[in-house]
Amino acid sequence: MEVTEMKMKNPMLVVTDIEKSVEFYKKVFGIHVIMDFGANKTLTGGLALQTVETYKDFIGKSDISFGGNNFEIYFEEDNFDEFADKLKECDVEYVYPIVEHSWGQRVVRFYDPDKHIIEVGENMKIVCKRFLNSGMTPEQVAERMDVPMKFVNACMR
């Protein structure tokens, strides 16, 4: 029997206050509700939110925990500096402030209202272009970012 690849639909976060979470994701990311089933809401980009009360019923367990630091949602941003400035106005709790990884990508990690970790990284194509614009050769960029030349060439188009 051949196994076909299944299509993943939505990551879903269990939340204690669904309206507060909707407002948080709208304020920080500009994403909004596209399907509203009351206890479950799907946001633009595919993120779904589910109330903790209904999720407990779904799984038949009451021991739901938050803040486990073992999962994150990842976003990429083309205008990273602008986003970082905006984030300062959103009163978020940081896991850590902006850092630059060894490959040159800048990222920030913070918590949503239920202590789910969110990472926002600079778009990797933007990182590549930033290095190229600084005067690095394509070969130097590939080495610095630890990416194949094919990636760098694609970013140059």
C-alpha atoms as a PDB file:
ATOM      1  CA  MET A   1       0.000   0.000   0.000  1.00  0.00           C
ATOM      2  CA  GLU A   2       1.428   3.351  -1.030  1.00  0.00           C
ATOM      3  CA  VAL A   3       1.334   6.059   1.592  1.00  0.00           C
ATOM      4  CA  THR A   4       0.354   9.464   0.245  1.00  0.00           C
ATOM      5  CA  GLU A   5       1.388  12.678   1.892  1.00  0.00           C
ATOM      6  CA  MET A   6      -1.336  14.055   4.117  1.00  0.00           C
ATOM      7  CA  LYS A   7      -2.068  17.770   3.979  1.00  0.00           C
ATOM      8  CA  MET A   8      -1.609  19.613   7.262  1.00  0.00           C
ATOM      9  CA  LYS A   9      -4.369  22.160   7.786  1.00  0.00           C
ATOM     10  CA  ASN A  10      -3.849  24.266  10.912  1.00  0.00           C
ATOM     11  CA  PRO A  11      -1.740  24.488  14.015  1.00  0.00           C
ATOM     12  CA  MET A  12      -4.119  25.039  16.923  1.00  0.00           C
ATOM     13  CA  LEU A  13      -3.371  26.730  20.209  1.00  0.00           C
ATOM     14  CA  VAL A  14      -5.420  26.127  23.334  1.00  0.00           C
ATOM     15  CA  VAL A  15      -6.162  29.461  25.005  1.00  0.00           C
ATOM     16  CA  THR A  16      -7.686  30.574  28.281  1.00  0.00           C
ATOM     17  CA  ASP A  17      -9.383  33.688  26.885  1.00  0.00           C
ATOM     18  CA  ILE A  18     -10.103  33.404  23.170  1.00  0.00           C
ATOM     19  CA  GLU A  19     -11.108  37.050  22.685  1.00  0.00           C
ATOM     20  CA  LYS A  20      -7.943  38.270  24.420  1.00  0.00           C
ATOM     21  CA  SER A  21      -5.869  35.978  22.194  1.00  0.00           C
ATOM     22  CA  VAL A  22      -7.652  37.150  19.034  1.00  0.00           C
ATOM     23  CA  GLU A  23      -6.900  40.772  19.993  1.00  0.00           C
ATOM     24  CA  PHE A  24      -3.260  39.928  20.735  1.00  0.00           C
ATOM     25  CA  TYR A  25      -2.664  38.271  17.353  1.00  0.00           C
ATOM     26  CA  LYS A  26      -4.504  41.100  15.595  1.00  0.00           C
ATOM     27  CA  LYS A  27      -2.503  43.814  17.364  1.00  0.00           C
ATOM     28  CA  VAL A  28       0.918  42.155  17.043  1.00  0.00           C
ATOM     29  CA  PHE A  29       0.618  40.519  13.608  1.00  0.00           C
ATOM     30  CA  GLY A  30      -2.379  42.119  11.937  1.00  0.00           C
ATOM     31  CA  ILE A  31      -4.035  38.730  11.479  1.00  0.00           C
ATOM     32  CA  HIS A  32      -7.751  38.393  12.045  1.00  0.00           C
ATOM     33  CA  VAL A  33     -10.570  35.864  12.338  1.00  0.00           C
ATOM     34  CA  ILE A  34     -11.702  34.286   9.076  1.00  0.00           C
ATOM     35  CA  MET A  35     -13.828  31.487  10.572  1.00  0.00           C
ATOM     36  CA  ASP A  36     -15.595  31.842  13.899  1.00  0.00           C
ATOM     37  CA  PHE A  37     -17.102  28.771  15.526  1.00  0.00           C
ATOM     38  CA  GLY A  38     -17.341  30.372  18.963  1.00  0.00           C
ATOM     39  CA  ALA A  39     -15.043  28.108  20.941  1.00  0.00           C
ATOM     40  CA  ASN A  40     -12.768  27.729  17.903  1.00  0.00           C
ATOM     41  CA  LYS A  41     -11.561  30.512  15.667  1.00  0.00           C
ATOM     42  CA  THR A  42      -9.336  30.288  12.590  1.00  0.00           C
ATOM     43  CA  LEU A  43      -7.163  33.289  11.867  1.00  0.00           C
ATOM     44  CA  THR A  44      -5.620  34.447   8.614  1.00  0.00           C
ATOM     45  CA  GLY A  45      -2.446  32.522   7.929  1.00  0.00           C
ATOM     46  CA  GLY A  46      -3.997  29.315   9.237  1.00  0.00           C
ATOM     47  CA  LEU A  47      -3.542  29.646  12.986  1.00  0.00           C
ATOM     48  CA  ALA A  48      -6.494  28.255  14.963  1.00  0.00           C
ATOM     49  CA  LEU A  49      -7.444  29.009  18.561  1.00  0.00           C
ATOM     50  CA  GLN A  50      -9.510  26.707  20.794  1.00  0.00           C
ATOM     51  CA  THR A  51     -10.923  27.458  24.250  1.00  0.00           C
ATOM     52  CA  VAL A  52      -9.332  25.481  27.058  1.00  0.00           C
ATOM     53  CA  GLU A  53     -12.750  24.381  28.358  1.00  0.00           C
ATOM     54  CA  THR A  54     -13.781  22.726  25.097  1.00  0.00           C
ATOM     55  CA  TYR A  55     -10.328  21.242  24.533  1.00  0.00           C
ATOM     56  CA  LYS A  56     -10.488  19.530  27.922  1.00  0.00           C
ATOM     57  CA  ASP A  57     -13.732  17.895  26.771  1.00  0.00           C
ATOM     58  CA  PHE A  58     -12.201  16.883  23.420  1.00  0.00           C
ATOM     59  CA  ILE A  59      -9.280  15.036  24.998  1.00  0.00           C
ATOM     60  CA  GLY A  60     -11.048  13.855  28.133  1.00  0.00           C
ATOM     61  CA  LYS A  61      -8.403  15.325  30.406  1.00  0.00           C
ATOM     62  CA  SER A  62      -8.346  18.334  32.697  1.00  0.00           C
ATOM     63  CA  ASP A  63      -4.608  18.714  33.205  1.00  0.00           C
ATOM     64  CA  ILE A  64      -3.837  21.315  30.548  1.00  0.00           C
ATOM     65  CA  SER A  65      -0.633  23.234  31.191  1.00  0.00           C
ATOM     66  CA  PHE A  66       0.701  26.443  29.710  1.00  0.00           C
ATOM     67  CA  GLY A  67       4.215  27.866  29.482  1.00  0.00           C
ATOM     68  CA  GLY A  68       5.997  24.572  28.867  1.00  0.00           C
ATOM     69  CA  ASN A  69       8.586  26.224  26.608  1.00  0.00           C
ATOM     70  CA  ASN A  70       8.603  23.160  24.349  1.00  0.00           C
ATOM     71  CA  PHE A  71       6.816  24.516  21.273  1.00  0.00           C
ATOM     72  CA  GLU A  72       6.783  27.691  19.252  1.00  0.00           C
ATOM     73  CA  ILE A  73       4.995  29.339  16.376  1.00  0.00           C
ATOM     74  CA  TYR A  74       7.351  30.844  13.811  1.00  0.00           C
ATOM     75  CA  PHE A  75       6.738  33.898  11.656  1.00  0.00           C
ATOM     76  CA  GLU A  76       9.062  35.622   9.188  1.00  0.00           C
ATOM     77  CA  GLU A  77       9.086  39.352   8.629  1.00  0.00           C
ATOM     78  CA  ASP A  78      10.498  41.315   5.684  1.00  0.00           C
ATOM     79  CA  ASN A  79      10.652  44.604   7.635  1.00  0.00           C
ATOM     80  CA  PHE A  80      12.226  43.242  10.795  1.00  0.00           C
ATOM     81  CA  ASP A  81      13.353  46.588  12.270  1.00  0.00           C
ATOM     82  CA  GLU A  82       9.872  48.056  11.795  1.00  0.00           C
ATOM     83  CA  PHE A  83       8.296  45.000  13.446  1.00  0.00           C
ATOM     84  CA  ALA A  84      10.749  45.169  16.373  1.00  0.00           C
ATOM     85  CA  ASP A  85       9.790  48.817  16.941  1.00  0.00           C
ATOM     86  CA  LYS A  86       6.090  47.950  16.784  1.00  0.00           C
ATOM     87  CA  LEU A  87       6.591  45.068  19.230  1.00  0.00           C
ATOM     88  CA  LYS A  88       7.927  47.485  21.851  1.00  0.00           C
ATOM     89  CA  GLU A  89       4.480  49.119  21.870  1.00  0.00           C
ATOM     90  CA  CYS A  90       2.668  45.807  22.400  1.00  0.00           C
ATOM     91  CA  ASP A  91       3.772  45.182  25.996  1.00  0.00           C
ATOM     92  CA  VAL A  92       4.882  41.588  25.387  1.00  0.00           C
ATOM     93  CA  GLU A  93       6.888  39.386  27.711  1.00  0.00           C
ATOM     94  CA  TYR A  94      10.121  38.491  25.936  1.00  0.00           C
ATOM     95  CA  VAL A  95      11.680  35.053  26.051  1.00  0.00           C
ATOM     96  CA  TYR A  96      14.719  37.073  24.984  1.00  0.00           C
ATOM     97  CA  PRO A  97      15.195  40.292  23.036  1.00  0.00           C
ATOM     98  CA  ILE A  98      16.501  40.457  19.474  1.00  0.00           C
ATOM     99  CA  VAL A  99      19.495  38.239  18.768  1.00  0.00           C
ATOM    100  CA  GLU A 100      21.430  37.586  15.598  1.00  0.00           C
ATOM    101  CA  HIS A 101      22.109  33.923  14.850  1.00  0.00           C
ATOM    102  CA  SER A 102      25.469  32.777  13.508  1.00  0.00           C
ATOM    103  CA  TRP A 103      23.974  32.632   9.986  1.00  0.00           C
ATOM    104  CA  GLY A 104      23.006  36.321  10.198  1.00  0.00           C
ATOM    105  CA  GLN A 105      19.260  36.087  10.731  1.00  0.00           C
ATOM    106  CA  ARG A 106      17.875  38.347  13.436  1.00  0.00           C
ATOM    107  CA  VAL A 107      15.080  36.894  15.571  1.00  0.00           C
ATOM    108  CA  VAL A 108      13.040  37.725  18.632  1.00  0.00           C
ATOM    109  CA  ARG A 109      11.081  35.356  20.847  1.00  0.00           C
ATOM    110  CA  PHE A 110       8.233  36.344  23.128  1.00  0.00           C
ATOM    111  CA  TYR A 111       5.113  34.893  24.745  1.00  0.00           C
ATOM    112  CA  ASP A 112       1.482  35.246  23.773  1.00  0.00           C
ATOM    113  CA  PRO A 113      -1.092  35.735  26.576  1.00  0.00           C
ATOM    114  CA  ASP A 114      -1.067  31.975  27.381  1.00  0.00           C
ATOM    115  CA  LYS A 115       2.735  31.664  27.385  1.00  0.00           C
ATOM    116  CA  HIS A 116       2.963  30.022  23.950  1.00  0.00           C
ATOM    117  CA  ILE A 117       6.350  30.966  22.490  1.00  0.00           C
ATOM    118  CA  ILE A 118       6.328  33.018  19.315  1.00  0.00           C
ATOM    119  CA  GLU A 119       9.447  33.508  17.241  1.00  0.00           C
ATOM    120  CA  VAL A 120       9.660  36.187  14.583  1.00  0.00           C
ATOM    121  CA  GLY A 121      12.658  35.963  12.301  1.00  0.00           C
ATOM    122  CA  GLU A 122      13.969  38.207   9.609  1.00  0.00           C
ATOM    123  CA  ASN A 123      13.089  36.796   6.189  1.00  0.00           C
ATOM    124  CA  MET A 124      16.111  34.767   5.039  1.00  0.00           C
ATOM    125  CA  LYS A 125      16.034  36.334   1.572  1.00  0.00           C
ATOM    126  CA  ILE A 126      16.250  39.751   3.212  1.00  0.00           C
ATOM    127  CA  VAL A 127      19.253  38.554   5.259  1.00  0.00           C
ATOM    128  CA  CYS A 128      20.937  37.433   2.048  1.00  0.00           C
ATOM    129  CA  LYS A 129      20.224  40.747   0.324  1.00  0.00           C
ATOM    130  CA  ARG A 130      21.467  42.680   3.372  1.00  0.00           C
ATOM    131  CA  PHE A 131      24.810  40.872   3.174  1.00  0.00           C
ATOM    132  CA  LEU A 132      25.047  41.345  -0.591  1.00  0.00           C
ATOM    133  CA  ASN A 133      24.252  45.056  -0.233  1.00  0.00           C
ATOM    134  CA  SER A 134      27.005  45.369   2.382  1.00  0.00           C
ATOM    135  CA  GLY A 135      29.560  44.437  -0.282  1.00  0.00           C
ATOM    136  CA  MET A 136      29.992  40.731   0.395  1.00  0.00           C
ATOM    137  CA  THR A 137      30.438  38.499  -2.636  1.00  0.00           C
ATOM    138  CA  PRO A 138      27.829  35.810  -3.294  1.00  0.00           C
ATOM    139  CA  GLU A 139      30.369  33.186  -2.216  1.00  0.00           C
ATOM    140  CA  GLN A 140      31.024  35.024   1.040  1.00  0.00           C
ATOM    141  CA  VAL A 141      27.296  35.287   1.686  1.00  0.00           C
ATOM    142  CA  ALA A 142      26.804  31.545   1.072  1.00  0.00           C
ATOM    143  CA  GLU A 143      29.611  30.779   3.513  1.00  0.00           C
ATOM    144  CA  ARG A 144      28.423  33.296   6.132  1.00  0.00           C
ATOM    145  CA  MET A 145      24.827  32.064   5.990  1.00  0.00           C
ATOM    146  CA  ASP A 146      25.789  28.402   5.578  1.00  0.00           C
ATOM    147  CA  VAL A 147      23.461  28.094   2.582  1.00  0.00           C
ATOM    148  CA  PRO A 148      24.037  26.719  -0.920  1.00  0.00           C
ATOM    149  CA  MET A 149      25.003  29.082  -3.743  1.00  0.00           C
ATOM    150  CA  LYS A 150      21.689  28.155  -5.353  1.00  0.00           C
ATOM    151  CA  PHE A 151      19.885  29.973  -2.520  1.00  0.00           C
ATOM    152  CA  VAL A 152      22.093  33.069  -2.848  1.00  0.00           C
ATOM    153  CA  ASN A 153      21.613  33.117  -6.631  1.00  0.00           C
ATOM    154  CA  ALA A 154      17.854  32.889  -6.196  1.00  0.00           C
ATOM    155  CA  CYS A 155      17.939  35.849  -3.799  1.00  0.00           C
ATOM    156  CA  MET A 156      19.847  37.908  -6.359  1.00  0.00           C
ATOM    157  CA  ARG A 157      17.063  37.633  -8.963  1.00  0.00           C
END
